[in-house]
């Protein structure tokens, strides 16, 4: 980004029969390389008993983990 911040994303989607998002991670870091947020569905926080497990959000740091379904990288319905 022009301000030196970084947005990393990865998404593996199975589209054979339906659109099925298998694995995703979206991470935004400020220009000091500090995490602002990361959404992912890695199965490594089972002990937190989040209602959205395995989906979760790292909110401001690796240690702050909250329930989240995560955003979708889809096109807006009002655009071509």
PDB file of N, CA and C in Angstrom:
ATOM      1  N   UNK A   1       0.845  -1.170   0.000  1.00  0.00           N
ATOM      2  CA  UNK A   1       0.000   0.000   0.000  1.00  0.00           C
ATOM      3  C   UNK A   1       0.901   1.247   0.000  1.00  0.00           C
ATOM      4  N   UNK A   2       0.362   2.371  -0.393  1.00  0.00           N
ATOM      5  CA  UNK A   2       1.168   3.588  -0.494  1.00  0.00           C
ATOM      6  C   UNK A   2       1.696   4.040   0.862  1.00  0.00           C
ATOM      7  N   UNK A   3       1.023   3.681   1.958  1.00  0.00           N
ATOM      8  CA  UNK A   3       1.483   4.083   3.286  1.00  0.00           C
ATOM      9  C   UNK A   3       2.451   3.075   3.907  1.00  0.00           C
ATOM     10  N   UNK A   4       2.817   2.028   3.167  1.00  0.00           N
ATOM     11  CA  UNK A   4       3.746   1.027   3.674  1.00  0.00           C
ATOM     12  C   UNK A   4       3.070  -0.124   4.385  1.00  0.00           C
ATOM     13  N   UNK A   5       1.755  -0.078   4.539  1.00  0.00           N
ATOM     14  CA  UNK A   5       1.049  -1.200   5.160  1.00  0.00           C
ATOM     15  C   UNK A   5       0.948  -2.346   4.155  1.00  0.00           C
ATOM     16  N   UNK A   6       0.627  -3.538   4.654  1.00  0.00           N
ATOM     17  CA  UNK A   6       0.582  -4.732   3.809  1.00  0.00           C
ATOM     18  C   UNK A   6      -0.745  -5.459   3.973  1.00  0.00           C
ATOM     19  N   UNK A   7      -1.283  -5.935   2.882  1.00  0.00           N
ATOM     20  CA  UNK A   7      -2.455  -6.793   2.907  1.00  0.00           C
ATOM     21  C   UNK A   7      -2.081  -8.089   2.202  1.00  0.00           C
ATOM     22  N   UNK A   8      -2.091  -9.170   2.957  1.00  0.00           N
ATOM     23  CA  UNK A   8      -1.817 -10.500   2.414  1.00  0.00           C
ATOM     24  C   UNK A   8      -3.116 -11.280   2.455  1.00  0.00           C
ATOM     25  N   UNK A   9      -3.389 -12.027   1.406  1.00  0.00           N
ATOM     26  CA  UNK A   9      -4.550 -12.913   1.463  1.00  0.00           C
ATOM     27  C   UNK A   9      -4.270 -14.174   0.665  1.00  0.00           C
ATOM     28  N   UNK A  10      -4.860 -15.248   1.148  1.00  0.00           N
ATOM     29  CA  UNK A  10      -4.829 -16.497   0.409  1.00  0.00           C
ATOM     30  C   UNK A  10      -6.180 -17.152   0.610  1.00  0.00           C
ATOM     31  N   UNK A  11      -6.602 -17.821  -0.433  1.00  0.00           N
ATOM     32  CA  UNK A  11      -7.911 -18.446  -0.385  1.00  0.00           C
ATOM     33  C   UNK A  11      -7.891 -19.632  -1.342  1.00  0.00           C
ATOM     34  N   UNK A  12      -8.265 -20.793  -0.844  1.00  0.00           N
ATOM     35  CA  UNK A  12      -8.382 -21.984  -1.667  1.00  0.00           C
ATOM     36  C   UNK A  12      -9.856 -22.344  -1.730  1.00  0.00           C
ATOM     37  N   UNK A  13     -10.390 -22.365  -2.941  1.00  0.00           N
ATOM     38  CA  UNK A  13     -11.823 -22.550  -3.136  1.00  0.00           C
ATOM     39  C   UNK A  13     -12.051 -23.719  -4.082  1.00  0.00           C
ATOM     40  N   UNK A  14     -12.970 -24.606  -3.690  1.00  0.00           N
ATOM     41  CA  UNK A  14     -13.396 -25.704  -4.547  1.00  0.00           C
ATOM     42  C   UNK A  14     -14.642 -25.238  -5.289  1.00  0.00           C
ATOM     43  N   UNK A  15     -14.561 -25.208  -6.611  1.00  0.00           N
ATOM     44  CA  UNK A  15     -15.687 -24.710  -7.412  1.00  0.00           C
ATOM     45  C   UNK A  15     -16.282 -25.796  -8.307  1.00  0.00           C
ATOM     46  N   UNK A  16     -15.987 -27.055  -8.017  1.00  0.00           N
ATOM     47  CA  UNK A  16     -16.465 -28.126  -8.891  1.00  0.00           C
ATOM     48  C   UNK A  16     -17.997 -28.191  -8.937  1.00  0.00           C
ATOM     49  N   UNK A  17     -18.644 -28.146  -7.782  1.00  0.00           N
ATOM     50  CA  UNK A  17     -20.105 -28.222  -7.735  1.00  0.00           C
ATOM     51  C   UNK A  17     -20.723 -26.941  -7.179  1.00  0.00           C
ATOM     52  N   UNK A  18     -20.108 -26.386  -6.170  1.00  0.00           N
ATOM     53  CA  UNK A  18     -20.540 -25.124  -5.574  1.00  0.00           C
ATOM     54  C   UNK A  18     -19.284 -24.328  -5.249  1.00  0.00           C
ATOM     55  N   UNK A  19     -19.446 -23.146  -4.742  1.00  0.00           N
ATOM     56  CA  UNK A  19     -18.291 -22.366  -4.291  1.00  0.00           C
ATOM     57  C   UNK A  19     -18.086 -22.701  -2.826  1.00  0.00           C
ATOM     58  N   UNK A  20     -17.044 -23.466  -2.547  1.00  0.00           N
ATOM     59  CA  UNK A  20     -16.756 -23.941  -1.194  1.00  0.00           C
ATOM     60  C   UNK A  20     -15.367 -23.449  -0.781  1.00  0.00           C
ATOM     61  N   UNK A  21     -15.331 -22.471   0.104  1.00  0.00           N
ATOM     62  CA  UNK A  21     -14.066 -21.901   0.570  1.00  0.00           C
ATOM     63  C   UNK A  21     -13.451 -22.867   1.580  1.00  0.00           C
ATOM     64  N   UNK A  22     -12.383 -23.541   1.193  1.00  0.00           N
ATOM     65  CA  UNK A  22     -11.748 -24.553   2.032  1.00  0.00           C
ATOM     66  C   UNK A  22     -10.808 -23.936   3.065  1.00  0.00           C
ATOM     67  N   UNK A  23      -9.903 -23.100   2.599  1.00  0.00           N
ATOM     68  CA  UNK A  23      -8.887 -22.500   3.461  1.00  0.00           C
ATOM     69  C   UNK A  23      -8.779 -21.025   3.104  1.00  0.00           C
ATOM     70  N   UNK A  24      -8.665 -20.179   4.124  1.00  0.00           N
ATOM     71  CA  UNK A  24      -8.457 -18.767   3.848  1.00  0.00           C
ATOM     72  C   UNK A  24      -7.652 -18.117   4.966  1.00  0.00           C
ATOM     73  N   UNK A  25      -6.981 -17.046   4.627  1.00  0.00           N
ATOM     74  CA  UNK A  25      -6.302 -16.177   5.594  1.00  0.00           C
ATOM     75  C   UNK A  25      -6.174 -14.811   4.944  1.00  0.00           C
ATOM     76  N   UNK A  26      -6.614 -13.798   5.651  1.00  0.00           N
ATOM     77  CA  UNK A  26      -6.518 -12.411   5.201  1.00  0.00           C
ATOM     78  C   UNK A  26      -5.854 -11.633   6.319  1.00  0.00           C
ATOM     79  N   UNK A  27      -4.692 -11.078   6.046  1.00  0.00           N
ATOM     80  CA  UNK A  27      -3.940 -10.377   7.090  1.00  0.00           C
ATOM     81  C   UNK A  27      -3.585  -8.970   6.642  1.00  0.00           C
ATOM     82  N   UNK A  28      -3.815  -8.022   7.540  1.00  0.00           N
ATOM     83  CA  UNK A  28      -3.455  -6.626   7.292  1.00  0.00           C
ATOM     84  C   UNK A  28      -2.468  -6.201   8.366  1.00  0.00           C
ATOM     85  N   UNK A  29      -1.338  -5.644   7.933  1.00  0.00           N
ATOM     86  CA  UNK A  29      -0.291  -5.171   8.848  1.00  0.00           C
ATOM     87  C   UNK A  29      -0.023  -3.703   8.555  1.00  0.00           C
ATOM     88  N   UNK A  30       0.220  -2.926   9.620  1.00  0.00           N
ATOM     89  CA  UNK A  30       0.511  -1.506   9.424  1.00  0.00           C
ATOM     90  C   UNK A  30       1.930  -1.327   8.891  1.00  0.00           C
ATOM     91  N   UNK A  31       2.330  -0.109   8.680  1.00  0.00           N
ATOM     92  CA  UNK A  31       3.643   0.155   8.084  1.00  0.00           C
ATOM     93  C   UNK A  31       4.809  -0.144   9.020  1.00  0.00           C
ATOM     94  N   UNK A  32       4.525  -0.472  10.267  1.00  0.00           N
ATOM     95  CA  UNK A  32       5.553  -0.927  11.214  1.00  0.00           C
ATOM     96  C   UNK A  32       5.570  -2.444  11.323  1.00  0.00           C
ATOM     97  N   UNK A  33       4.841  -3.101  10.408  1.00  0.00           N
ATOM     98  CA  UNK A  33       4.735  -4.566  10.320  1.00  0.00           C
ATOM     99  C   UNK A  33       4.071  -5.172  11.550  1.00  0.00           C
ATOM    100  N   UNK A  34       3.176  -4.406  12.188  1.00  0.00           N
ATOM    101  CA  UNK A  34       2.395  -4.906  13.313  1.00  0.00           C
ATOM    102  C   UNK A  34       1.029  -5.337  12.793  1.00  0.00           C
ATOM    103  N   UNK A  35       0.553  -6.455  13.291  1.00  0.00           N
ATOM    104  CA  UNK A  35      -0.727  -6.980  12.825  1.00  0.00           C
ATOM    105  C   UNK A  35      -1.869  -6.060  13.242  1.00  0.00           C
ATOM    106  N   UNK A  36      -2.711  -5.712  12.289  1.00  0.00           N
ATOM    107  CA  UNK A  36      -3.940  -4.976  12.562  1.00  0.00           C
ATOM    108  C   UNK A  36      -5.071  -5.995  12.718  1.00  0.00           C
ATOM    109  N   UNK A  37      -5.143  -6.942  11.774  1.00  0.00           N
ATOM    110  CA  UNK A  37      -6.077  -8.058  11.903  1.00  0.00           C
ATOM    111  C   UNK A  37      -5.640  -9.197  11.008  1.00  0.00           C
ATOM    112  N   UNK A  38      -6.087 -10.382  11.363  1.00  0.00           N
ATOM    113  CA  UNK A  38      -5.971 -11.539  10.474  1.00  0.00           C
ATOM    114  C   UNK A  38      -7.195 -12.409  10.691  1.00  0.00           C
ATOM    115  N   UNK A  39      -7.898 -12.693   9.625  1.00  0.00           N
ATOM    116  CA  UNK A  39      -8.996 -13.647   9.634  1.00  0.00           C
ATOM    117  C   UNK A  39      -8.456 -14.948   9.058  1.00  0.00           C
ATOM    118  N   UNK A  40      -8.755 -16.066   9.686  1.00  0.00           N
ATOM    119  CA  UNK A  40      -8.378 -17.346   9.094  1.00  0.00           C
ATOM    120  C   UNK A  40      -9.236 -18.466   9.661  1.00  0.00           C
ATOM    121  N   UNK A  41      -9.106 -19.630   9.042  1.00  0.00           N
ATOM    122  CA  UNK A  41      -9.853 -20.789   9.515  1.00  0.00           C
ATOM    123  C   UNK A  41      -8.938 -21.965   9.817  1.00  0.00           C
ATOM    124  N   UNK A  42      -7.719 -21.661  10.251  1.00  0.00           N
ATOM    125  CA  UNK A  42      -6.806 -22.709  10.698  1.00  0.00           C
ATOM    126  C   UNK A  42      -7.348 -23.325  11.977  1.00  0.00           C
ATOM    127  N   UNK A  43      -7.172 -24.612  12.116  1.00  0.00           N
ATOM    128  CA  UNK A  43      -7.754 -25.356  13.233  1.00  0.00           C
ATOM    129  C   UNK A  43      -6.798 -25.405  14.430  1.00  0.00           C
ATOM    130  N   UNK A  44      -6.282 -24.261  14.849  1.00  0.00           N
ATOM    131  CA  UNK A  44      -5.295 -24.271  15.929  1.00  0.00           C
ATOM    132  C   UNK A  44      -5.755 -23.583  17.211  1.00  0.00           C
ATOM    133  N   UNK A  45      -7.015 -23.203  17.307  1.00  0.00           N
ATOM    134  CA  UNK A  45      -7.498 -22.551  18.536  1.00  0.00           C
ATOM    135  C   UNK A  45      -8.725 -23.265  19.103  1.00  0.00           C
ATOM    136  N   UNK A  46      -8.731 -24.573  18.975  1.00  0.00           N
ATOM    137  CA  UNK A  46      -9.839 -25.385  19.463  1.00  0.00           C
ATOM    138  C   UNK A  46     -10.091 -25.172  20.948  1.00  0.00           C
ATOM    139  N   UNK A  47      -9.028 -24.959  21.711  1.00  0.00           N
ATOM    140  CA  UNK A  47      -9.125 -24.799  23.166  1.00  0.00           C
ATOM    141  C   UNK A  47      -9.916 -23.561  23.589  1.00  0.00           C
ATOM    142  N   UNK A  48     -10.133 -22.610  22.686  1.00  0.00           N
ATOM    143  CA  UNK A  48     -10.870 -21.390  23.019  1.00  0.00           C
ATOM    144  C   UNK A  48     -12.390 -21.576  22.958  1.00  0.00           C
ATOM    145  N   UNK A  49     -12.839 -22.690  22.385  1.00  0.00           N
ATOM    146  CA  UNK A  49     -14.272 -22.986  22.272  1.00  0.00           C
ATOM    147  C   UNK A  49     -15.063 -21.844  21.627  1.00  0.00           C
ATOM    148  N   UNK A  50     -14.519 -21.285  20.573  1.00  0.00           N
ATOM    149  CA  UNK A  50     -15.210 -20.212  19.856  1.00  0.00           C
ATOM    150  C   UNK A  50     -16.426 -20.783  19.126  1.00  0.00           C
ATOM    151  N   UNK A  51     -17.547 -20.083  19.142  1.00  0.00           N
ATOM    152  CA  UNK A  51     -18.739 -20.603  18.463  1.00  0.00           C
ATOM    153  C   UNK A  51     -18.586 -20.695  16.947  1.00  0.00           C
ATOM    154  N   UNK A  52     -17.601 -20.018  16.383  1.00  0.00           N
ATOM    155  CA  UNK A  52     -17.373 -20.032  14.941  1.00  0.00           C
ATOM    156  C   UNK A  52     -16.200 -20.931  14.544  1.00  0.00           C
ATOM    157  N   UNK A  53     -15.689 -21.700  15.491  1.00  0.00           N
ATOM    158  CA  UNK A  53     -14.518 -22.555  15.242  1.00  0.00           C
ATOM    159  C   UNK A  53     -14.713 -23.387  13.978  1.00  0.00           C
ATOM    160  N   UNK A  54     -13.739 -23.449  13.113  1.00  0.00           N
ATOM    161  CA  UNK A  54     -12.364 -22.973  13.214  1.00  0.00           C
ATOM    162  C   UNK A  54     -12.169 -21.524  12.751  1.00  0.00           C
ATOM    163  N   UNK A  55     -13.226 -20.878  12.323  1.00  0.00           N
ATOM    164  CA  UNK A  55     -13.127 -19.489  11.849  1.00  0.00           C
ATOM    165  C   UNK A  55     -12.889 -18.549  13.030  1.00  0.00           C
ATOM    166  N   UNK A  56     -11.943 -17.626  12.855  1.00  0.00           N
ATOM    167  CA  UNK A  56     -11.632 -16.684  13.931  1.00  0.00           C
ATOM    168  C   UNK A  56     -10.876 -15.474  13.379  1.00  0.00           C
ATOM    169  N   UNK A  57     -10.703 -14.489  14.259  1.00  0.00           N
ATOM    170  CA  UNK A  57      -9.997 -13.259  13.899  1.00  0.00           C
ATOM    171  C   UNK A  57      -8.945 -12.963  14.949  1.00  0.00           C
ATOM    172  N   UNK A  58      -7.736 -12.634  14.510  1.00  0.00           N
ATOM    173  CA  UNK A  58      -6.688 -12.112  15.380  1.00  0.00           C
ATOM    174  C   UNK A  58      -6.873 -10.598  15.326  1.00  0.00           C
ATOM    175  N   UNK A  59      -7.226 -10.016  16.448  1.00  0.00           N
ATOM    176  CA  UNK A  59      -7.649  -8.616  16.485  1.00  0.00           C
ATOM    177  C   UNK A  59      -6.583  -7.733  17.126  1.00  0.00           C
ATOM    178  N   UNK A  60      -5.670  -7.233  16.309  1.00  0.00           N
ATOM    179  CA  UNK A  60      -4.636  -6.329  16.799  1.00  0.00           C
ATOM    180  C   UNK A  60      -3.350  -7.007  17.238  1.00  0.00           C
ATOM    181  N   UNK A  61      -3.388  -8.321  17.442  1.00  0.00           N
ATOM    182  CA  UNK A  61      -2.176  -9.070  17.793  1.00  0.00           C
ATOM    183  C   UNK A  61      -2.450 -10.558  17.605  1.00  0.00           C
ATOM    184  N   UNK A  62      -1.394 -11.339  17.649  1.00  0.00           N
ATOM    185  CA  UNK A  62      -1.531 -12.800  17.556  1.00  0.00           C
ATOM    186  C   UNK A  62      -2.290 -13.360  18.749  1.00  0.00           C
ATOM    187  N   UNK A  63      -2.197 -12.705  19.901  1.00  0.00           N
ATOM    188  CA  UNK A  63      -2.758 -13.226  21.142  1.00  0.00           C
ATOM    189  C   UNK A  63      -4.235 -12.922  21.346  1.00  0.00           C
ATOM    190  N   UNK A  64      -4.770 -11.906  20.691  1.00  0.00           N
ATOM    191  CA  UNK A  64      -6.176 -11.538  20.850  1.00  0.00           C
ATOM    192  C   UNK A  64      -6.970 -12.228  19.746  1.00  0.00           C
ATOM    193  N   UNK A  65      -7.725 -13.257  20.129  1.00  0.00           N
ATOM    194  CA  UNK A  65      -8.447 -14.087  19.171  1.00  0.00           C
ATOM    195  C   UNK A  65      -9.926 -14.038  19.508  1.00  0.00           C
ATOM    196  N   UNK A  66     -10.735 -13.691  18.524  1.00  0.00           N
ATOM    197  CA  UNK A  66     -12.177 -13.556  18.727  1.00  0.00           C
ATOM    198  C   UNK A  66     -12.926 -14.353  17.660  1.00  0.00           C
ATOM    199  N   UNK A  67     -14.174 -14.674  17.964  1.00  0.00           N
ATOM    200  CA  UNK A  67     -15.026 -15.398  17.021  1.00  0.00           C
ATOM    201  C   UNK A  67     -15.315 -14.526  15.808  1.00  0.00           C
ATOM    202  N   UNK A  68     -15.295 -15.143  14.642  1.00  0.00           N
ATOM    203  CA  UNK A  68     -15.602 -14.421  13.413  1.00  0.00           C
ATOM    204  C   UNK A  68     -15.794 -15.423  12.292  1.00  0.00           C
ATOM    205  N   UNK A  69     -16.687 -15.135  11.382  1.00  0.00           N
ATOM    206  CA  UNK A  69     -16.851 -15.985  10.206  1.00  0.00           C
ATOM    207  C   UNK A  69     -15.919 -15.581   9.073  1.00  0.00           C
ATOM    208  N   UNK A  70     -15.331 -14.417   9.173  1.00  0.00           N
ATOM    209  CA  UNK A  70     -14.387 -13.966   8.164  1.00  0.00           C
ATOM    210  C   UNK A  70     -15.061 -13.316   6.969  1.00  0.00           C
ATOM    211  N   UNK A  71     -14.390 -12.342   6.364  1.00  0.00           N
ATOM    212  CA  UNK A  71     -14.929 -11.682   5.176  1.00  0.00           C
ATOM    213  C   UNK A  71     -14.829 -12.603   3.963  1.00  0.00           C
ATOM    214  N   UNK A  72     -15.498 -12.237   2.899  1.00  0.00           N
ATOM    215  CA  UNK A  72     -15.429 -12.989   1.646  1.00  0.00           C
ATOM    216  C   UNK A  72     -14.854 -12.101   0.558  1.00  0.00           C
ATOM    217  N   UNK A  73     -14.033 -12.687  -0.281  1.00  0.00           N
ATOM    218  CA  UNK A  73     -13.450 -11.961  -1.417  1.00  0.00           C
ATOM    219  C   UNK A  73     -14.292 -12.228  -2.650  1.00  0.00           C
ATOM    220  N   UNK A  74     -15.472 -11.714  -2.651  1.00  0.00           N
ATOM    221  CA  UNK A  74     -16.356 -11.914  -3.791  1.00  0.00           C
ATOM    222  C   UNK A  74     -16.668 -10.572  -4.442  1.00  0.00           C
ATOM    223  N   UNK A  75     -17.086 -10.651  -5.663  1.00  0.00           N
ATOM    224  CA  UNK A  75     -17.415  -9.398  -6.339  1.00  0.00           C
ATOM    225  C   UNK A  75     -18.740  -8.878  -5.823  1.00  0.00           C
ATOM    226  N   UNK A  76     -18.860  -7.592  -5.842  1.00  0.00           N
ATOM    227  CA  UNK A  76     -20.102  -6.953  -5.387  1.00  0.00           C
ATOM    228  C   UNK A  76     -21.230  -7.302  -6.361  1.00  0.00           C
ATOM    229  N   UNK A  77     -22.418  -7.599  -5.847  1.00  0.00           N
ATOM    230  CA  UNK A  77     -23.521  -7.981  -6.733  1.00  0.00           C
ATOM    231  C   UNK A  77     -23.946  -6.886  -7.708  1.00  0.00           C
ATOM    232  N   UNK A  78     -23.624  -5.627  -7.386  1.00  0.00           N
ATOM    233  CA  UNK A  78     -24.043  -4.536  -8.279  1.00  0.00           C
ATOM    234  C   UNK A  78     -22.980  -4.177  -9.310  1.00  0.00           C
ATOM    235  N   UNK A  79     -21.941  -5.001  -9.418  1.00  0.00           N
ATOM    236  CA  UNK A  79     -20.861  -4.749 -10.376  1.00  0.00           C
ATOM    237  C   UNK A  79     -20.701  -5.916 -11.317  1.00  0.00           C
ATOM    238  N   UNK A  80     -20.167  -5.656 -12.510  1.00  0.00           N
ATOM    239  CA  UNK A  80     -19.858  -6.729 -13.470  1.00  0.00           C
ATOM    240  C   UNK A  80     -18.446  -7.183 -13.302  1.00  0.00           C
TER     241      UNK A  80
END
